[in-house]
Protein backbone atom coordinates (compact mmCIF):
# COMPACT_ATOMS: atom_id res chain seq x y z
CA MET A 1 -128.74 34.85 114.28
CA SER A 2 -131.01 33.20 111.77
CA LYS A 3 -132.71 35.19 109.04
CA GLN A 4 -136.14 36.42 109.91
CA VAL A 5 -138.90 38.46 108.15
CA PHE A 6 -140.69 41.30 109.91
CA ILE A 7 -143.73 42.62 108.10
CA ASN A 8 -144.76 46.05 109.41
CA LEU A 9 -148.43 47.01 108.95
CA PRO A 10 -150.21 50.22 109.84
CA VAL A 11 -153.35 49.61 111.81
CA LYS A 12 -156.05 51.97 113.09
CA ASP A 13 -157.13 49.94 116.15
CA LEU A 14 -154.23 47.99 117.71
CA LYS A 15 -156.36 45.89 120.09
CA LYS A 16 -158.87 44.83 117.45
CA SER A 17 -156.02 44.05 115.00
CA MET A 18 -154.27 41.94 117.60
CA ALA A 19 -157.49 39.94 118.20
CA PHE A 20 -157.83 39.50 114.37
CA TYR A 21 -154.37 38.13 113.98
CA GLU A 22 -154.73 35.86 117.06
CA ALA A 23 -157.87 34.39 115.41
CA LEU A 24 -155.65 33.43 112.41
CA GLY A 25 -153.15 31.57 114.62
CA PHE A 26 -150.61 34.25 115.30
CA THR A 27 -149.33 34.58 118.84
CA ASN A 28 -148.35 37.84 120.54
CA ASN A 29 -144.80 38.46 121.74
CA PRO A 30 -145.36 40.76 124.75
CA GLN A 31 -141.64 41.70 124.79
CA PHE A 32 -142.17 43.77 121.64
CA THR A 33 -145.71 44.96 122.41
CA ASP A 34 -146.94 48.22 123.91
CA ASP A 35 -149.74 50.76 123.35
CA SER A 36 -148.36 51.68 119.92
CA ALA A 37 -147.12 48.33 118.49
CA ALA A 38 -147.68 44.60 118.75
CA CYS A 39 -145.42 41.81 117.54
CA MET A 40 -147.50 38.98 116.22
CA VAL A 41 -145.55 35.76 115.71
CA TRP A 42 -146.36 33.39 112.85
CA SER A 43 -143.21 31.17 113.09
CA ASP A 44 -139.68 31.31 114.26
CA ALA A 45 -138.79 33.26 111.15
CA ILE A 46 -141.96 35.31 110.36
CA PHE A 47 -143.28 38.19 112.44
CA VAL A 48 -145.98 40.80 111.78
CA MET A 49 -145.54 44.13 113.52
CA LEU A 50 -148.85 45.88 113.96
CA LEU A 51 -148.17 49.60 114.33
CA THR A 52 -150.52 52.44 115.16
CA HIS A 53 -150.53 55.11 112.47
CA ASP A 54 -148.55 57.44 114.78
CA LYS A 55 -145.91 54.70 115.39
CA PHE A 56 -145.76 53.76 111.74
CA LYS A 57 -145.14 57.36 110.70
CA GLN A 58 -141.96 57.32 112.79
CA PHE A 59 -140.38 55.07 110.16
CA ILE A 60 -141.57 56.62 106.93
CA SER A 61 -141.62 59.91 105.18
CA LYS A 62 -144.53 59.22 102.88
CA ASP A 63 -148.25 59.09 103.55
CA ILE A 64 -149.82 55.83 104.82
CA ILE A 65 -152.02 54.28 102.13
CA ASP A 66 -155.65 53.57 102.82
CA GLY A 67 -155.65 49.78 102.46
CA LYS A 68 -159.35 49.80 101.73
CA LYS A 69 -158.72 51.77 98.55
CA LEU A 70 -155.08 51.07 97.55
CA VAL A 71 -152.78 48.03 97.64
CA GLY A 72 -149.25 48.41 98.85
CA SER A 73 -148.34 44.73 99.09
CA ILE A 74 -149.71 41.21 99.05
CA ASN A 75 -148.29 39.00 101.75
CA ALA A 76 -148.44 35.29 100.94
CA LEU A 77 -148.20 32.55 103.52
CA SER A 78 -147.47 28.96 102.60
CA LEU A 79 -149.54 26.55 104.67
CA GLU A 80 -149.30 22.75 105.10
CA ASN A 81 -152.44 21.74 103.22
CA ILE A 82 -155.65 22.95 101.60
CA ASP A 83 -157.64 22.59 104.81
CA ALA A 84 -155.20 24.93 106.64
CA VAL A 85 -155.66 27.45 103.78
CA ASN A 86 -159.43 27.29 104.13
CA THR A 87 -159.29 27.48 107.87
CA PHE A 88 -157.03 30.54 107.78
CA ALA A 89 -159.36 32.34 105.37
CA GLU A 90 -162.59 31.31 107.21
CA ASN A 91 -161.10 32.47 110.51
CA ALA A 92 -160.16 35.75 108.89
CA ILE A 93 -163.71 36.25 107.66
CA LYS A 94 -165.15 35.33 111.03
CA ALA A 95 -162.83 37.85 112.74
CA GLY A 96 -163.99 40.72 110.45
CA GLY A 97 -161.70 40.36 107.46
CA LYS A 98 -162.90 40.12 103.89
CA GLU A 99 -162.25 37.74 101.06
CA TYR A 100 -161.49 40.03 98.13
CA ALA A 101 -161.10 37.50 95.29
CA GLU A 102 -162.44 34.05 94.42
CA VAL A 103 -160.49 30.98 95.47
CA LYS A 104 -157.80 30.19 92.86
CA ASP A 105 -156.91 26.66 92.01
CA TYR A 106 -153.96 26.22 89.64
CA GLY A 107 -153.90 22.42 89.89
CA PHE A 108 -150.61 22.35 91.85
CA MET A 109 -151.53 25.32 94.01
CA ARG A 110 -154.66 26.66 95.75
CA GLN A 111 -154.86 30.10 97.22
CA ARG A 112 -157.33 32.38 98.97
CA SER A 113 -157.24 36.16 99.07
CA ILE A 114 -158.17 38.04 102.25
CA GLU A 115 -157.73 41.41 103.80
CA ASP A 116 -157.43 42.34 107.45
CA LEU A 117 -159.39 45.00 109.23
CA ASP A 118 -157.32 47.75 107.65
CA GLY A 119 -157.33 46.30 104.07
CA ASN A 120 -153.87 44.74 104.31
CA ASN A 121 -153.75 41.87 101.81
CA TRP A 122 -152.91 38.24 102.69
CA GLU A 123 -152.89 35.17 100.44
CA PRO A 124 -152.72 31.92 102.26
CA PHE A 125 -151.78 29.10 99.84
CA PHE A 126 -150.83 25.43 99.59
CA MET A 127 -148.52 24.30 96.84
CA ASP A 128 -147.96 20.65 95.91
CA MET A 129 -144.84 20.61 93.68
CA SER A 130 -145.48 16.95 92.71
CA LYS A 131 -148.42 18.32 90.71
CA PHE A 132 -146.46 21.15 89.04
CA PRO A 133 -146.78 20.98 85.29
CA GLY A 134 -143.70 19.42 83.57
């Protein structure tokens, strides 16, 4: 089996969160989706598990953070070009997400900073290593 990454996120409204992630280009895997969880596929190796708070609590012994007030992680996704970064961020905003920081341009890398409906942080970016400083 190849190595894969599963990012598990607590969400308050599973259906609205599924629609948000579909607007970003994720697809749903119904095999791992029910009333308490949804598997959203980014690639053959990256999956985002959207879990209701009750489902998420089955895996943890701590409190769930309020993503609107606290940050638990920043999930960065490498995209194929700057246009894809902008499209990802613009689709997130149209779907109800929020851009929480200004666009960052480092010369060799450009990134945007968005949060989903529950405040989970995402940074789509494009990196051109041919422009990386010597």
